[in-house]
Amino acid sequence: MQLITEEIKKSLPNLYAQEDKGFEAIAYVKFFTPDGSWTWYVTEFDGEDTFFGLVCGLEKELGYFSLSELQQVRGKLGLPVERDLSFKPTPIKEFMDLD
């Protein structure tokens, strides 16, 4: 599976474009390990390799991650990271426990 297409690259906001929105920032792409418990929600992209967004793994945290890293990640059964083809743009607050 191609993790990111040229069309998606062009549609993603540039890095820092949503930094003033906090948890209201919109995630446009969701990556996940189909045989694991990691999920990455992309809110911004530098157009080449670096994403910013919400990473849900051992903990939930905002941070930077790279396309090249995602392409190398394998889950428990050795399956590669996939892009959720049915994902719709969603504010990242929807994925947070903000009690």
Protein backbone atom coordinates (compact mmCIF):
# COMPACT_ATOMS: atom_id res chain seq x y z
CA MET A 1 0.00 0.00 0.00
CA GLN A 2 1.20 3.48 -0.83
CA LEU A 3 1.09 5.37 2.48
CA ILE A 4 0.74 8.78 0.90
CA THR A 5 -0.20 9.87 -2.59
CA GLU A 6 0.77 13.04 -4.41
CA GLU A 7 -2.83 14.21 -4.07
CA ILE A 8 -2.74 13.76 -0.28
CA LYS A 9 0.67 15.47 -0.06
CA LYS A 10 -0.71 18.53 -1.82
CA SER A 11 -3.84 18.66 0.34
CA LEU A 12 -2.13 18.51 3.76
CA PRO A 13 -1.49 21.78 5.61
CA ASN A 14 2.14 22.83 5.91
CA LEU A 15 3.97 22.36 9.21
CA TYR A 16 2.86 24.92 11.82
CA ALA A 17 -0.27 25.86 9.82
CA GLN A 18 -2.56 24.59 12.61
CA GLU A 19 -0.37 25.23 15.65
CA ASP A 20 -2.73 27.90 16.99
CA LYS A 21 -5.68 25.47 16.94
CA GLY A 22 -4.47 23.13 19.69
CA PHE A 23 -6.72 20.08 19.99
CA GLU A 24 -9.09 21.64 17.45
CA ALA A 25 -6.48 20.94 14.74
CA ILE A 26 -7.82 18.68 12.03
CA ALA A 27 -6.29 15.27 11.35
CA TYR A 28 -6.44 14.54 7.62
CA VAL A 29 -4.76 11.14 7.42
CA LYS A 30 -4.73 8.12 9.73
CA PHE A 31 -1.96 5.51 9.66
CA PHE A 32 -2.09 2.36 11.80
CA THR A 33 -0.45 -0.97 12.46
CA PRO A 34 -3.04 -3.59 11.45
CA ASP A 35 -1.45 -6.14 13.77
CA GLY A 36 -0.60 -3.79 16.62
CA SER A 37 -1.89 -0.94 18.70
CA TRP A 38 -0.16 2.09 17.15
CA THR A 39 -1.99 4.86 15.29
CA TRP A 40 -0.74 8.12 13.79
CA TYR A 41 -3.08 11.01 12.94
CA VAL A 42 -1.54 13.55 10.55
CA THR A 43 -2.41 17.22 10.97
CA GLU A 44 0.50 18.79 9.04
CA PHE A 45 3.22 17.82 6.58
CA ASP A 46 6.43 19.43 5.32
CA GLY A 47 5.77 18.13 1.81
CA GLU A 48 8.70 15.74 1.87
CA ASP A 49 9.09 13.45 4.90
CA THR A 50 8.07 15.07 8.20
CA PHE A 51 4.57 14.91 9.64
CA PHE A 52 3.12 16.48 12.76
CA GLY A 53 0.14 15.05 14.54
CA LEU A 54 -1.18 12.82 17.27
CA VAL A 55 0.63 9.57 17.96
CA CYS A 56 -1.28 6.91 19.89
CA GLY A 57 0.93 4.09 21.10
CA LEU A 58 2.12 3.50 24.62
CA GLU A 59 0.74 6.99 25.33
CA LYS A 60 -1.06 9.66 23.34
CA GLU A 61 1.12 12.60 22.43
CA LEU A 62 1.50 15.30 19.84
CA GLY A 63 4.73 15.17 17.94
CA TYR A 64 6.72 14.80 14.76
CA PHE A 65 7.14 11.55 12.86
CA SER A 66 8.44 10.75 9.42
CA LEU A 67 7.14 8.96 6.37
CA SER A 68 10.43 7.10 6.05
CA GLU A 69 10.06 5.77 9.61
CA LEU A 70 6.47 4.68 9.03
CA GLN A 71 7.54 2.78 5.93
CA GLN A 72 9.93 0.73 8.07
CA VAL A 73 7.62 0.01 11.04
CA ARG A 74 6.28 -3.53 11.36
CA GLY A 75 3.67 -4.79 13.80
CA LYS A 76 3.71 -7.93 15.93
CA LEU A 77 3.12 -10.19 12.94
CA GLY A 78 5.47 -8.30 10.64
CA LEU A 79 2.75 -6.39 8.81
CA PRO A 80 3.57 -2.88 7.56
CA VAL A 81 1.79 0.33 8.51
CA GLU A 82 -1.35 1.04 6.47
CA ARG A 83 -3.37 4.15 5.67
CA ASP A 84 -7.02 4.09 6.71
CA LEU A 85 -8.76 4.54 3.36
CA SER A 86 -12.11 5.38 4.96
CA PHE A 87 -10.77 8.02 7.38
CA LYS A 88 -12.47 11.43 7.21
CA PRO A 89 -10.89 14.68 8.46
CA THR A 90 -11.55 14.91 12.20
CA PRO A 91 -10.43 17.25 15.01
CA ILE A 92 -7.76 15.49 17.07
CA LYS A 93 -9.71 16.23 20.25
CA GLU A 94 -11.97 13.35 19.15
CA PHE A 95 -9.07 10.94 19.80
CA MET A 96 -8.03 12.40 23.16
CA ASP A 97 -9.24 11.67 26.67
CA LEU A 98 -9.54 15.30 27.76
CA ASP A 99 -11.35 14.76 31.08
